[in-house]
């Protein structure tokens, strides 16, 4: 893990396209702004973990075979 010290209004570049800016520090909270191309999805960790778990659960519940289309002869 890379540890970087930044002050409000300072930025960190990730590659050529992603910018993370420290917007504000209040007490023990830090507000960050993230600029990234729309092709890069940006999530808070707890949201990302919830989506990952939902996808895992949905994949487990998915039927192993697809039903035949309605009206198909067989």
N, C-alpha and C. Protein backbone atom coordinates (compact mmCIF):
# COMPACT_ATOMS: atom_id res chain seq x y z
N UNK A 1 0.84 -1.18 0.00
CA UNK A 1 0.00 0.00 0.00
C UNK A 1 0.89 1.24 0.00
N UNK A 2 0.56 2.16 -0.84
CA UNK A 2 1.26 3.44 -0.89
C UNK A 2 0.53 4.40 0.05
N UNK A 3 1.25 5.05 0.94
CA UNK A 3 0.66 6.01 1.86
C UNK A 3 1.15 7.40 1.48
N UNK A 4 0.21 8.30 1.25
CA UNK A 4 0.53 9.65 0.80
C UNK A 4 -0.14 10.65 1.73
N UNK A 5 0.59 11.66 2.15
CA UNK A 5 0.01 12.73 2.96
C UNK A 5 -0.38 13.88 2.04
N UNK A 6 -1.62 14.33 2.14
CA UNK A 6 -2.12 15.43 1.33
C UNK A 6 -2.89 16.39 2.23
N UNK A 7 -2.96 17.63 1.83
CA UNK A 7 -3.74 18.65 2.51
C UNK A 7 -4.95 19.00 1.63
N UNK A 8 -5.95 19.70 2.20
CA UNK A 8 -7.08 20.10 1.36
C UNK A 8 -6.61 20.83 0.09
N UNK A 9 -7.30 20.56 -0.99
CA UNK A 9 -7.04 21.09 -2.33
C UNK A 9 -5.84 20.44 -3.01
N UNK A 10 -5.16 19.52 -2.37
CA UNK A 10 -4.07 18.79 -3.03
C UNK A 10 -4.64 17.53 -3.67
N UNK A 11 -3.95 17.04 -4.68
CA UNK A 11 -4.46 15.94 -5.49
C UNK A 11 -3.46 14.79 -5.57
N UNK A 12 -4.00 13.64 -5.94
CA UNK A 12 -3.20 12.45 -6.24
C UNK A 12 -3.64 11.99 -7.62
N UNK A 13 -2.69 11.72 -8.49
CA UNK A 13 -2.98 11.22 -9.83
C UNK A 13 -2.83 9.70 -9.83
N UNK A 14 -3.79 9.02 -10.44
CA UNK A 14 -3.72 7.57 -10.63
C UNK A 14 -3.75 7.35 -12.13
N UNK A 15 -2.62 6.97 -12.67
CA UNK A 15 -2.51 6.86 -14.12
C UNK A 15 -2.65 8.24 -14.74
N UNK A 16 -3.11 8.28 -15.99
CA UNK A 16 -3.27 9.55 -16.69
C UNK A 16 -4.67 10.14 -16.54
N UNK A 17 -5.64 9.31 -16.10
CA UNK A 17 -7.04 9.71 -16.20
C UNK A 17 -7.78 9.88 -14.87
N UNK A 18 -7.19 9.45 -13.77
CA UNK A 18 -7.91 9.48 -12.50
C UNK A 18 -7.23 10.47 -11.56
N UNK A 19 -8.05 11.38 -11.02
CA UNK A 19 -7.56 12.39 -10.08
C UNK A 19 -8.37 12.26 -8.79
N UNK A 20 -7.67 12.15 -7.67
CA UNK A 20 -8.31 12.13 -6.36
C UNK A 20 -7.88 13.40 -5.65
N UNK A 21 -8.86 14.22 -5.24
CA UNK A 21 -8.56 15.49 -4.59
C UNK A 21 -9.11 15.50 -3.17
N UNK A 22 -8.32 15.96 -2.22
CA UNK A 22 -8.78 16.15 -0.86
C UNK A 22 -9.58 17.45 -0.86
N UNK A 23 -10.88 17.36 -0.62
CA UNK A 23 -11.73 18.54 -0.64
C UNK A 23 -11.78 19.23 0.71
N UNK A 24 -11.85 18.41 1.76
CA UNK A 24 -12.07 18.99 3.08
C UNK A 24 -11.71 17.96 4.15
N UNK A 25 -11.19 18.44 5.26
CA UNK A 25 -10.93 17.60 6.42
C UNK A 25 -11.64 18.25 7.59
N UNK A 26 -12.58 17.51 8.20
CA UNK A 26 -13.32 18.01 9.35
C UNK A 26 -13.27 16.93 10.42
N UNK A 27 -12.55 17.20 11.50
CA UNK A 27 -12.41 16.19 12.55
C UNK A 27 -11.73 14.96 12.00
N UNK A 28 -12.40 13.81 12.13
CA UNK A 28 -11.81 12.56 11.63
C UNK A 28 -12.40 12.14 10.28
N UNK A 29 -13.06 13.08 9.59
CA UNK A 29 -13.61 12.79 8.27
C UNK A 29 -12.83 13.53 7.19
N UNK A 30 -12.61 12.83 6.09
CA UNK A 30 -11.94 13.42 4.93
C UNK A 30 -12.91 13.32 3.76
N UNK A 31 -13.17 14.42 3.10
CA UNK A 31 -14.01 14.41 1.90
C UNK A 31 -13.08 14.40 0.69
N UNK A 32 -13.30 13.41 -0.17
CA UNK A 32 -12.49 13.26 -1.37
C UNK A 32 -13.35 13.48 -2.60
N UNK A 33 -12.75 14.04 -3.62
CA UNK A 33 -13.38 14.13 -4.93
C UNK A 33 -12.60 13.24 -5.87
N UNK A 34 -13.32 12.48 -6.69
CA UNK A 34 -12.68 11.57 -7.64
C UNK A 34 -13.14 11.93 -9.04
N UNK A 35 -12.18 12.25 -9.91
CA UNK A 35 -12.47 12.49 -11.33
C UNK A 35 -11.91 11.30 -12.10
N UNK A 36 -12.79 10.63 -12.82
CA UNK A 36 -12.37 9.46 -13.59
C UNK A 36 -13.25 9.36 -14.83
N UNK A 37 -12.73 8.74 -15.88
CA UNK A 37 -13.55 8.53 -17.08
C UNK A 37 -14.78 7.69 -16.72
N UNK A 38 -15.86 7.87 -17.46
CA UNK A 38 -17.09 7.12 -17.19
C UNK A 38 -16.88 5.62 -17.32
N UNK A 39 -15.87 5.20 -18.05
CA UNK A 39 -15.61 3.77 -18.21
C UNK A 39 -15.02 3.14 -16.95
N UNK A 40 -14.57 3.97 -16.02
CA UNK A 40 -14.03 3.46 -14.75
C UNK A 40 -15.08 3.66 -13.68
N UNK A 41 -15.56 2.57 -13.12
CA UNK A 41 -16.57 2.65 -12.08
C UNK A 41 -15.89 2.96 -10.74
N UNK A 42 -16.46 3.89 -10.01
CA UNK A 42 -15.90 4.30 -8.72
C UNK A 42 -16.98 4.08 -7.66
N UNK A 43 -16.65 3.29 -6.64
CA UNK A 43 -17.59 2.98 -5.56
C UNK A 43 -16.93 3.21 -4.21
N UNK A 44 -17.74 3.52 -3.19
CA UNK A 44 -17.26 3.40 -1.82
C UNK A 44 -17.10 1.90 -1.56
N UNK A 45 -16.16 1.54 -0.72
CA UNK A 45 -15.87 0.12 -0.50
C UNK A 45 -17.10 -0.66 -0.04
N UNK A 46 -17.88 -0.12 0.89
CA UNK A 46 -19.03 -0.87 1.40
C UNK A 46 -20.07 -1.11 0.32
N UNK A 47 -20.21 -0.19 -0.63
CA UNK A 47 -21.14 -0.39 -1.74
C UNK A 47 -20.59 -1.45 -2.68
N UNK A 48 -19.31 -1.38 -2.98
CA UNK A 48 -18.67 -2.35 -3.86
C UNK A 48 -18.80 -3.77 -3.29
N UNK A 49 -18.58 -3.92 -1.98
CA UNK A 49 -18.70 -5.23 -1.34
C UNK A 49 -20.14 -5.75 -1.40
N UNK A 50 -21.11 -4.85 -1.19
CA UNK A 50 -22.52 -5.26 -1.25
C UNK A 50 -22.90 -5.71 -2.66
N UNK A 51 -22.45 -4.98 -3.68
CA UNK A 51 -22.74 -5.36 -5.06
C UNK A 51 -22.09 -6.70 -5.39
N UNK A 52 -20.85 -6.87 -4.95
CA UNK A 52 -20.13 -8.12 -5.20
C UNK A 52 -20.87 -9.30 -4.55
N UNK A 53 -21.34 -9.12 -3.33
CA UNK A 53 -22.08 -10.19 -2.63
C UNK A 53 -23.40 -10.47 -3.33
N UNK A 54 -24.10 -9.43 -3.77
CA UNK A 54 -25.36 -9.61 -4.49
C UNK A 54 -25.15 -10.40 -5.77
N UNK A 55 -24.08 -10.06 -6.50
CA UNK A 55 -23.76 -10.79 -7.74
C UNK A 55 -23.43 -12.25 -7.45
N UNK A 56 -22.68 -12.49 -6.37
CA UNK A 56 -22.34 -13.86 -6.00
C UNK A 56 -23.61 -14.66 -5.68
N UNK A 57 -24.51 -14.05 -4.90
CA UNK A 57 -25.75 -14.73 -4.52
C UNK A 57 -26.62 -14.99 -5.74
N UNK A 58 -26.69 -14.03 -6.65
CA UNK A 58 -27.50 -14.21 -7.86
C UNK A 58 -26.93 -15.31 -8.73
N UNK A 59 -25.62 -15.41 -8.82
CA UNK A 59 -24.99 -16.45 -9.63
C UNK A 59 -25.26 -17.83 -9.04
N UNK A 60 -25.31 -17.92 -7.72
CA UNK A 60 -25.59 -19.20 -7.07
C UNK A 60 -27.03 -19.64 -7.31
N UNK A 61 -27.96 -18.68 -7.36
CA UNK A 61 -29.37 -18.99 -7.53
C UNK A 61 -29.78 -19.14 -8.99
N UNK A 62 -28.88 -18.83 -9.92
CA UNK A 62 -29.20 -18.90 -11.34
C UNK A 62 -29.47 -20.34 -11.75
N UNK A 63 -30.47 -20.55 -12.59
CA UNK A 63 -30.74 -21.93 -13.06
C UNK A 63 -29.56 -22.43 -13.89
N UNK A 64 -29.32 -23.72 -13.81
CA UNK A 64 -28.19 -24.33 -14.53
C UNK A 64 -28.50 -24.47 -16.03
N UNK A 65 -29.79 -24.55 -16.39
CA UNK A 65 -30.18 -24.64 -17.80
C UNK A 65 -31.24 -23.58 -18.06
N UNK A 66 -31.29 -23.11 -19.25
CA UNK A 66 -32.27 -22.11 -19.63
C UNK A 66 -33.57 -22.80 -20.05
N UNK A 67 -34.70 -22.21 -19.71
CA UNK A 67 -35.97 -22.81 -20.15
C UNK A 67 -36.14 -22.68 -21.67
N UNK A 68 -36.90 -23.59 -22.26
CA UNK A 68 -37.16 -23.53 -23.70
C UNK A 68 -38.06 -22.33 -23.99
N UNK A 69 -37.86 -21.68 -25.13
CA UNK A 69 -38.72 -20.54 -25.48
C UNK A 69 -40.17 -20.98 -25.59
N UNK A 70 -41.10 -20.10 -25.27
CA UNK A 70 -42.53 -20.40 -25.34
C UNK A 70 -42.89 -20.74 -26.79
N UNK A 71 -43.70 -21.77 -26.95
CA UNK A 71 -44.16 -22.14 -28.28
C UNK A 71 -43.17 -22.97 -29.07
N UNK A 72 -42.03 -23.33 -28.47
CA UNK A 72 -41.04 -24.12 -29.18
C UNK A 72 -41.53 -25.57 -29.29
N UNK A 73 -41.34 -26.13 -30.45
CA UNK A 73 -41.73 -27.53 -30.65
C UNK A 73 -40.69 -28.42 -30.00
N UNK A 74 -41.12 -29.47 -29.38
CA UNK A 74 -40.10 -30.30 -28.82
C UNK A 74 -40.61 -31.52 -28.31
